[in-house]
Protein backbone atom coordinates (compact mmCIF):
# COMPACT_ATOMS: atom_id res chain seq x y z
CA UNK A 1 0.09 0.25 -0.01
CA UNK A 2 1.17 3.34 -0.86
CA UNK A 3 1.51 6.26 1.47
CA UNK A 4 -2.15 8.16 -0.40
CA UNK A 5 -3.75 4.71 0.29
CA UNK A 6 -2.91 5.00 4.14
CA UNK A 7 -4.06 8.44 4.12
CA UNK A 8 -7.02 9.07 5.92
CA UNK A 9 -9.26 12.06 5.14
CA UNK A 10 -9.15 15.37 7.60
CA UNK A 11 -12.95 14.39 8.52
CA UNK A 12 -11.77 11.07 9.89
CA UNK A 13 -8.78 12.29 11.43
CA UNK A 14 -11.02 14.71 13.44
CA UNK A 15 -13.49 12.04 14.61
CA UNK A 16 -10.26 9.78 15.44
CA UNK A 17 -8.64 12.78 17.36
CA UNK A 18 -11.84 13.73 19.20
CA UNK A 19 -12.81 10.16 20.17
CA UNK A 20 -9.74 8.98 22.09
CA UNK A 21 -9.47 12.80 23.85
CA UNK A 22 -12.72 12.22 24.85
CA UNK A 23 -12.10 8.59 26.22
CA UNK A 24 -8.67 9.91 27.87
CA UNK A 25 -11.28 12.50 29.80
CA UNK A 26 -13.49 10.38 30.51
CA UNK A 27 -11.21 7.89 32.09
CA UNK A 28 -9.57 10.74 33.89
CA UNK A 29 -12.20 12.00 35.66
CA UNK A 30 -13.15 8.55 36.62
CA UNK A 31 -9.44 7.93 38.01
CA UNK A 32 -10.52 11.05 40.41
CA UNK A 33 -8.88 13.62 38.28
CA UNK A 34 -11.09 16.86 38.47
CA UNK A 35 -12.52 18.39 35.35
CA UNK A 36 -10.97 21.76 36.29
CA UNK A 37 -7.23 19.86 36.44
CA UNK A 38 -8.37 18.45 33.02
CA UNK A 39 -8.84 21.60 31.87
CA UNK A 40 -5.87 23.36 32.71
CA UNK A 41 -3.96 20.92 31.70
CA UNK A 42 -5.39 20.31 28.33
CA UNK A 43 -5.17 24.13 27.77
CA UNK A 44 -1.21 23.89 29.11
CA UNK A 45 -0.39 21.22 27.17
CA UNK A 46 -2.19 22.11 23.57
CA UNK A 47 -0.83 26.16 23.78
CA UNK A 48 2.81 24.24 24.23
CA UNK A 49 1.91 22.18 21.00
CA UNK A 50 0.60 24.58 19.30
CA UNK A 51 3.78 27.00 20.10
CA UNK A 52 6.27 24.25 19.00
CA UNK A 53 3.97 23.57 15.59
CA UNK A 54 3.34 26.92 14.33
CA UNK A 55 5.65 29.33 16.24
CA UNK A 56 4.48 31.94 19.06
CA UNK A 57 2.95 34.39 16.56
CA UNK A 58 0.69 32.02 14.75
CA UNK A 59 -0.01 30.11 18.13
CA UNK A 60 -1.26 33.44 19.43
CA UNK A 61 -3.24 34.25 16.69
CA UNK A 62 -5.13 31.14 16.56
CA UNK A 63 -5.59 31.57 20.60
CA UNK A 64 -7.20 34.81 19.95
CA UNK A 65 -9.54 33.07 17.33
CA UNK A 66 -10.10 30.63 19.39
CA UNK A 67 -11.12 33.53 22.43
CA UNK A 68 -12.97 35.62 19.73
CA UNK A 69 -15.28 32.26 19.17
CA UNK A 70 -15.62 31.49 22.94
CA UNK A 71 -16.98 35.20 23.59
CA UNK A 72 -18.88 35.01 20.11
CA UNK A 73 -20.90 31.69 22.02
CA UNK A 74 -19.92 29.44 19.62
CA UNK A 75 -19.29 26.52 22.28
CA UNK A 76 -21.94 27.38 24.17
CA UNK A 77 -23.56 24.21 25.01
CA UNK A 78 -27.39 23.59 24.85
CA UNK A 79 -29.24 22.62 28.06
CA UNK A 80 -30.46 19.03 26.64
CA UNK A 81 -26.42 18.24 25.72
CA UNK A 82 -25.24 18.25 29.40
CA UNK A 83 -22.36 15.47 28.23
CA UNK A 84 -20.80 17.85 25.04
CA UNK A 85 -17.37 18.61 25.24
């Protein structure tokens, strides 16, 4: 099989990454880690990886867009979805 045949679509990558992330989060909570701790560790690890991957300026731009989206309500959860991430 060639490298192209082994590649998965961006959508498939997102689904796999989200599934693994949710499973990791749930397992940590089950083992006694608080949601606050998970949130802070996740943010810290994410920022570190963004800076490493894209550099400080580009990482800051990505984070600013995310902050703007949060302020605009993009991540607000519906009352019917208490377990949504």
